[in-house]
Amino acid sequence: MMKDLAGLRSEIDRLDAVDRSLHDAGELLALFGDDEPAAAEIAEGIGTAEAALDALEVEANFDGEFDAHNVILSVYAGAGGVDAADWAQMLSRMYLRWAESAGFSTQIVEESPAEEAGLKSITFFVRGRNAYGLLEGERGVHRLVRMSPFDAAHRRHTSFAAVDIIPEIEADESREIQMKPDDLRVETFKSGGAGGQYVNKTESAVRIIHLPSGLIVASQQERSQAQNREVAMTILRARLVAREIEQRGEKLASLRGERQANEWGSQIRSYVLAPYQLVKDHRTGVETGNVPAVLDGDIDVFIRPYLQVRRSLQHRASSQAP
């Protein structure tokens, strides 16, 4: 209840900020009319209010079952060898930077470094109101084209990475999912990566295998085995719930999207660094030449158009429903 209350207060605060911006602009207009310095300040206030209202309008349509939930985001290197592993690391940084700029908190729970460079995979939480609603459209294959820094001949390479987005599920939301102790195999191992000498010297990392489904989850970033087990159980619970919903059929498209191979022809978005600079979303047609900004986390230019398309499709489907 306190979490819901905090979220509602945040929305009210944002509406109050819009109201103040418009009120201040109205007062300036009444006092100074067409005065040039005042006009610039008035336009700035209205622009700020307009951007905030656009964001609120998008979020007002987050009425899906999981839209308000936190996110468990995973990135997996696909076809492309060492370039794909490096691309997976670049993508994970992009989403971490986006979450930071959006005011969300993040927590890396597992990462598997590749042999030469980059990451085979990484999983982390993105926590904040409507995180799943905003990020749901990022699920899919992302394609990178660039002059490879790992190629001695410096030739152009194409590599792929897959992004998986599932909602974090609270324990009381997963009562239908039964996890019997006999169905779980728990393994411990020494953690790698950041975490200090303590983490690397003890078997604090935890891997849980759900035998009936074959799902495997791991957590290695916490300092204690108990904490890593709790995090791994949270991820396993979320993936089992997502799997259960997939099997119901009618909710497959709304929760998981279309599953595609992590290779050529299946990408939802292409990031081209050579011979020209362009990022293009193949579902909405939105594109931008400011590739460095996108890779630094500026992906709202793709998120919001996708949400508008999703909303129009939902409205069309509801209007055609018997």
Protein backbone atom coordinates (compact mmCIF):
# COMPACT_ATOMS: atom_id res chain seq x y z
CA MET A 1 0.00 0.00 0.00
CA MET A 2 2.85 2.37 0.82
CA LYS A 3 4.44 1.66 -2.58
CA ASP A 4 1.15 2.39 -4.36
CA LEU A 5 0.72 5.56 -2.30
CA ALA A 6 4.22 6.76 -3.19
CA GLY A 7 3.53 6.16 -6.88
CA LEU A 8 0.26 8.10 -6.78
CA ARG A 9 1.91 10.97 -4.92
CA SER A 10 4.60 11.09 -7.58
CA GLU A 11 1.96 11.39 -10.31
CA ILE A 12 0.18 14.16 -8.40
CA ASP A 13 3.47 16.02 -7.91
CA ARG A 14 4.10 15.88 -11.66
CA LEU A 15 0.61 17.19 -12.40
CA ASP A 16 1.11 19.99 -9.87
CA ALA A 17 4.40 20.89 -11.60
CA VAL A 18 2.59 21.16 -14.94
CA ASP A 19 -0.07 23.32 -13.35
CA ARG A 20 2.58 25.64 -11.85
CA SER A 21 4.38 25.96 -15.19
CA LEU A 22 1.20 26.95 -17.00
CA HIS A 23 0.11 29.27 -14.19
CA ASP A 24 3.47 31.06 -14.20
CA ALA A 25 3.37 31.39 -18.00
CA GLY A 26 -0.13 32.86 -17.79
CA GLU A 27 0.93 35.42 -15.20
CA LEU A 28 3.94 36.46 -17.28
CA LEU A 29 1.72 36.85 -20.33
CA ALA A 30 -0.74 39.01 -18.39
CA LEU A 31 2.01 41.21 -16.97
CA PHE A 32 4.36 41.63 -19.93
CA GLY A 33 2.32 40.71 -22.98
CA ASP A 34 4.50 40.59 -26.11
CA ASP A 35 7.70 41.68 -24.36
CA GLU A 36 10.48 39.67 -26.07
CA PRO A 37 12.39 38.44 -22.97
CA ALA A 38 9.13 37.46 -21.30
CA ALA A 39 7.93 35.71 -24.47
CA ALA A 40 10.97 33.44 -24.42
CA GLU A 41 10.37 32.54 -20.78
CA ILE A 42 6.67 31.93 -21.47
CA ALA A 43 7.51 29.64 -24.39
CA GLU A 44 9.99 27.72 -22.24
CA GLY A 45 7.41 27.21 -19.49
CA ILE A 46 4.78 26.03 -21.96
CA GLY A 47 7.29 23.70 -23.63
CA THR A 48 8.20 22.15 -20.27
CA ALA A 49 4.53 21.64 -19.42
CA GLU A 50 3.82 20.15 -22.85
CA ALA A 51 6.66 17.61 -22.57
CA ALA A 52 5.52 16.61 -19.08
CA LEU A 53 1.92 16.22 -20.26
CA ASP A 54 3.04 14.06 -23.19
CA ALA A 55 4.84 11.74 -20.79
CA LEU A 56 1.84 11.61 -18.44
CA GLU A 57 -0.50 10.89 -21.36
CA VAL A 58 1.62 7.91 -22.39
CA GLU A 59 1.76 6.58 -18.84
CA ALA A 60 -2.00 7.04 -18.39
CA ASN A 61 -2.44 4.21 -20.89
CA PHE A 62 -0.39 1.76 -18.84
CA ASP A 63 -3.36 -0.36 -17.88
CA GLY A 64 -1.86 -3.76 -18.68
CA GLU A 65 -1.59 -6.42 -16.00
CA PHE A 66 2.14 -5.84 -15.50
CA ASP A 67 2.72 -2.31 -16.85
CA ALA A 68 3.31 -0.78 -13.41
CA HIS A 69 5.79 -3.50 -12.38
CA ASN A 70 9.54 -3.41 -12.08
CA VAL A 71 11.57 -5.14 -14.80
CA ILE A 72 14.05 -7.99 -14.97
CA LEU A 73 16.11 -7.18 -18.05
CA SER A 74 18.52 -9.65 -19.65
CA VAL A 75 20.86 -9.17 -22.60
CA TYR A 76 22.33 -12.18 -24.47
CA ALA A 77 25.08 -12.09 -27.07
CA GLY A 78 23.97 -13.69 -30.34
CA ALA A 79 25.56 -14.31 -33.71
CA GLY A 80 28.78 -12.38 -34.29
CA GLY A 81 31.44 -13.86 -32.00
CA VAL A 82 33.48 -11.41 -29.94
CA ASP A 83 31.73 -8.46 -31.61
CA ALA A 84 28.38 -9.80 -30.40
CA ALA A 85 29.70 -10.11 -26.84
CA ASP A 86 30.98 -6.53 -27.00
CA TRP A 87 27.61 -5.46 -28.43
CA ALA A 88 25.79 -7.14 -25.52
CA GLN A 89 27.89 -5.09 -23.11
CA MET A 90 27.19 -1.88 -25.07
CA LEU A 91 23.44 -2.59 -24.98
CA SER A 92 23.43 -3.29 -21.26
CA ARG A 93 25.22 0.03 -20.66
CA MET A 94 22.63 1.79 -22.84
CA TYR A 95 19.75 0.49 -20.74
CA LEU A 96 21.53 1.20 -17.46
CA ARG A 97 22.17 4.79 -18.56
CA TRP A 98 18.55 5.17 -19.69
CA ALA A 99 17.30 3.90 -16.32
CA GLU A 100 19.57 6.32 -14.50
CA SER A 101 18.34 9.30 -16.53
CA ALA A 102 14.71 8.20 -16.00
CA GLY A 103 15.17 8.13 -12.23
CA PHE A 104 14.91 4.34 -11.94
CA SER A 105 17.13 2.25 -9.70
CA THR A 106 19.10 -0.69 -11.10
CA GLN A 107 20.69 -3.78 -9.62
CA ILE A 108 22.96 -6.12 -11.57
CA VAL A 109 22.42 -9.67 -10.36
CA GLU A 110 24.36 -11.82 -12.83
CA GLU A 111 26.83 -11.30 -15.63
CA SER A 112 28.85 -13.78 -17.63
CA PRO A 113 31.98 -12.29 -19.24
CA ALA A 114 33.04 -13.51 -22.67
CA GLU A 115 36.50 -14.96 -23.20
CA GLU A 116 38.04 -12.07 -25.13
CA ALA A 117 35.82 -9.05 -24.51
CA GLY A 118 32.27 -8.09 -23.64
CA LEU A 119 29.56 -10.23 -22.09
CA LYS A 120 27.91 -13.51 -22.97
CA SER A 121 24.93 -12.40 -20.88
CA ILE A 122 23.86 -10.01 -18.15
CA THR A 123 20.72 -9.74 -16.02
CA PHE A 124 19.68 -6.77 -13.91
CA PHE A 125 16.62 -5.24 -12.25
CA VAL A 126 15.16 -1.89 -13.35
CA ARG A 127 12.92 -0.63 -10.58
CA GLY A 128 10.48 2.25 -10.78
CA ARG A 129 6.84 2.99 -11.49
CA ASN A 130 5.76 1.77 -14.95
CA ALA A 131 9.20 0.35 -15.72
CA TYR A 132 7.69 -2.67 -17.49
CA GLY A 133 5.20 -0.55 -19.40
CA LEU A 134 8.03 1.59 -20.75
CA LEU A 135 10.53 -1.16 -21.51
CA GLU A 136 8.25 -3.94 -22.76
CA GLY A 137 8.80 -2.88 -26.37
CA GLU A 138 12.57 -3.29 -26.08
CA ARG A 139 12.22 -7.08 -26.06
CA GLY A 140 13.72 -8.59 -29.19
CA VAL A 141 16.88 -8.77 -31.28
CA HIS A 142 19.10 -5.71 -31.73
CA ARG A 143 21.54 -5.56 -34.67
CA LEU A 144 24.85 -3.67 -34.78
CA VAL A 145 26.83 -2.82 -37.93
CA ARG A 146 30.28 -1.30 -37.48
CA MET A 147 33.97 -1.49 -38.36
CA SER A 148 35.07 -4.17 -35.94
CA PRO A 149 37.76 -3.14 -33.42
CA PHE A 150 38.55 -6.85 -33.03
CA ASP A 151 39.32 -7.43 -36.71
CA ALA A 152 42.96 -6.84 -37.68
CA ALA A 153 41.81 -5.87 -41.18
CA HIS A 154 39.25 -3.49 -39.62
CA ARG A 155 36.44 -4.86 -41.77
CA ARG A 156 32.76 -4.16 -41.30
CA HIS A 157 30.99 -6.69 -39.08
CA THR A 158 27.34 -7.35 -38.22
CA SER A 159 26.52 -8.70 -34.78
CA PHE A 160 23.37 -9.41 -32.79
CA ALA A 161 22.20 -9.39 -29.19
CA ALA A 162 18.82 -10.35 -27.73
CA VAL A 163 17.05 -8.36 -25.04
CA ASP A 164 14.53 -10.10 -22.79
CA ILE A 165 12.10 -8.13 -20.64
CA ILE A 166 9.95 -9.75 -17.95
CA PRO A 167 8.06 -8.13 -15.07
CA GLU A 168 9.28 -8.62 -11.53
CA ILE A 169 6.61 -10.59 -9.65
CA GLU A 170 5.98 -10.21 -5.94
CA ALA A 171 5.60 -13.39 -3.90
CA ASP A 172 1.90 -12.76 -3.23
CA GLU A 173 1.26 -12.42 -7.00
CA SER A 174 2.63 -15.88 -7.79
CA ARG A 175 0.50 -18.04 -5.52
CA GLU A 176 -0.55 -20.17 -8.50
CA ILE A 177 3.08 -21.09 -9.12
CA GLN A 178 4.11 -24.00 -6.94
CA MET A 179 7.84 -24.40 -6.38
CA LYS A 180 8.42 -27.57 -4.40
CA PRO A 181 11.84 -27.93 -2.76
CA ASP A 182 12.35 -31.22 -4.60
CA ASP A 183 11.92 -29.38 -7.92
CA LEU A 184 14.88 -27.09 -7.23
CA ARG A 185 18.56 -27.85 -7.52
CA VAL A 186 20.63 -25.17 -5.80
CA GLU A 187 24.31 -24.82 -6.67
CA THR A 188 26.87 -22.42 -5.23
CA PHE A 189 30.01 -21.08 -6.87
CA LYS A 190 32.55 -18.31 -6.52
CA SER A 191 31.41 -15.00 -7.93
CA GLY A 192 33.24 -13.13 -10.64
CA GLY A 193 33.27 -9.48 -11.65
CA ALA A 194 32.82 -6.51 -9.36
CA GLY A 195 32.16 -7.20 -5.73
CA GLY A 196 35.48 -7.07 -3.93
CA GLN A 197 37.85 -9.72 -2.65
CA TYR A 198 35.26 -11.18 -0.26
CA VAL A 199 32.91 -12.09 -3.09
CA ASN A 200 35.63 -13.76 -5.14
CA LYS A 201 37.05 -15.84 -2.25
CA THR A 202 33.79 -17.42 -1.06
CA GLU A 203 31.09 -19.46 -2.76
CA SER A 204 28.51 -16.72 -2.32
CA ALA A 205 27.02 -16.94 -5.82
CA VAL A 206 23.90 -19.07 -6.26
CA ARG A 207 22.52 -20.89 -9.28
CA ILE A 208 19.02 -22.40 -9.10
CA ILE A 209 17.79 -24.97 -11.62
CA HIS A 210 14.04 -25.56 -11.80
CA LEU A 211 13.99 -29.21 -12.80
CA PRO A 212 10.42 -29.48 -14.22
CA SER A 213 10.87 -26.54 -16.61
CA GLY A 214 14.64 -26.57 -17.09
CA LEU A 215 14.86 -22.86 -16.25
CA ILE A 216 18.21 -21.76 -14.82
CA VAL A 217 18.73 -18.51 -12.91
CA ALA A 218 21.72 -17.16 -11.05
CA SER A 219 22.73 -14.29 -8.80
CA GLN A 220 26.30 -13.41 -7.92
CA GLN A 221 26.45 -9.72 -7.06
CA GLU A 222 25.27 -9.83 -3.45
CA ARG A 223 27.81 -10.39 -0.67
CA SER A 224 26.08 -13.31 1.02
CA GLN A 225 24.79 -16.63 -0.24
CA ALA A 226 21.42 -16.01 1.42
CA GLN A 227 20.98 -12.68 -0.40
CA ASN A 228 21.94 -14.21 -3.74
CA ARG A 229 19.51 -17.07 -3.18
CA GLU A 230 16.68 -14.61 -2.48
CA VAL A 231 17.44 -12.64 -5.65
CA ALA A 232 17.68 -15.83 -7.73
CA MET A 233 14.33 -17.03 -6.36
CA THR A 234 12.76 -13.67 -7.32
CA ILE A 235 13.99 -14.05 -10.90
CA LEU A 236 12.89 -17.70 -11.08
CA ARG A 237 9.45 -16.81 -9.77
CA ALA A 238 9.07 -14.08 -12.40
CA ARG A 239 10.17 -16.36 -15.22
CA LEU A 240 7.82 -19.13 -14.11
CA VAL A 241 4.91 -16.69 -14.01
CA ALA A 242 5.82 -15.38 -17.46
CA ARG A 243 6.07 -18.95 -18.74
CA GLU A 244 2.68 -19.82 -17.27
CA ILE A 245 1.08 -16.81 -18.92
CA GLU A 246 2.66 -17.72 -22.24
CA GLN A 247 1.09 -21.13 -22.04
CA ARG A 248 -2.35 -19.62 -21.63
CA GLY A 249 -2.09 -18.48 -25.23
CA GLU A 250 -4.33 -15.44 -25.24
CA LYS A 251 -1.82 -13.33 -23.29
CA LEU A 252 1.25 -14.40 -25.23
CA ALA A 253 1.47 -11.31 -27.45
CA SER A 254 0.86 -8.82 -24.63
CA LEU A 255 3.50 -10.21 -22.29
CA ARG A 256 6.29 -11.75 -24.32
CA GLY A 257 5.98 -10.57 -27.89
CA GLU A 258 6.95 -12.69 -30.86
CA ARG A 259 9.94 -14.93 -30.24
CA GLN A 260 12.58 -14.56 -32.95
CA ALA A 261 15.97 -16.05 -33.67
CA ASN A 262 18.96 -14.06 -32.43
CA GLU A 263 20.35 -13.61 -35.94
CA TRP A 264 19.94 -11.89 -39.31
CA GLY A 265 16.46 -10.81 -40.37
CA SER A 266 14.89 -11.01 -36.91
CA GLN A 267 15.95 -7.65 -35.47
CA ILE A 268 13.54 -5.08 -34.09
CA ARG A 269 16.14 -2.30 -34.33
CA SER A 270 19.38 -1.71 -36.23
CA TYR A 271 22.30 0.41 -35.03
CA VAL A 272 24.62 1.33 -37.90
CA LEU A 273 27.99 2.94 -37.12
CA ALA A 274 29.59 2.45 -40.54
CA PRO A 275 29.53 3.39 -43.38
CA TYR A 276 27.00 5.93 -42.05
CA GLN A 277 25.47 6.73 -38.65
CA LEU A 278 21.85 5.63 -38.14
CA VAL A 279 19.62 3.87 -35.63
CA LYS A 280 16.30 2.64 -37.03
CA ASP A 281 13.38 0.89 -35.36
CA HIS A 282 11.93 -1.55 -37.88
CA ARG A 283 8.49 -1.67 -36.24
CA THR A 284 7.71 2.05 -36.17
CA GLY A 285 10.07 3.36 -38.86
CA VAL A 286 11.52 5.90 -36.42
CA GLU A 287 15.19 6.66 -37.05
CA THR A 288 17.90 9.03 -35.84
CA GLY A 289 21.45 9.81 -36.87
CA ASN A 290 22.55 10.67 -33.34
CA VAL A 291 23.93 7.21 -32.60
CA PRO A 292 26.23 8.26 -29.70
CA ALA A 293 23.28 9.75 -27.82
CA VAL A 294 21.22 6.58 -28.30
CA LEU A 295 24.04 4.35 -27.07
CA ASP A 296 24.38 6.68 -24.10
CA GLY A 297 20.79 5.93 -23.08
CA ASP A 298 18.68 8.38 -25.10
CA ILE A 299 16.14 5.80 -26.31
CA ASP A 300 12.89 7.63 -25.52
CA VAL A 301 12.84 8.60 -29.19
CA PHE A 302 12.03 4.92 -29.89
CA ILE A 303 10.09 4.00 -26.75
CA ARG A 304 7.32 6.55 -27.03
CA PRO A 305 6.43 5.96 -30.72
CA TYR A 306 6.26 2.23 -30.01
CA LEU A 307 3.91 2.84 -27.10
CA GLN A 308 1.69 4.97 -29.34
CA VAL A 309 1.55 2.18 -31.92
CA ARG A 310 0.81 -0.37 -29.20
CA ARG A 311 -1.96 1.81 -27.81
CA SER A 312 -3.59 2.29 -31.23
CA LEU A 313 -3.48 -1.47 -31.85
CA GLN A 314 -5.04 -2.13 -28.45
CA HIS A 315 -7.81 0.39 -29.13
CA ARG A 316 -8.45 -1.17 -32.53
CA ALA A 317 -8.60 -4.65 -31.03
CA SER A 318 -10.98 -3.54 -28.28
CA SER A 319 -13.25 -1.79 -30.77
CA GLN A 320 -13.45 -4.94 -32.91
CA ALA A 321 -14.10 -7.23 -29.95
CA PRO A 322 -17.62 -8.73 -29.89
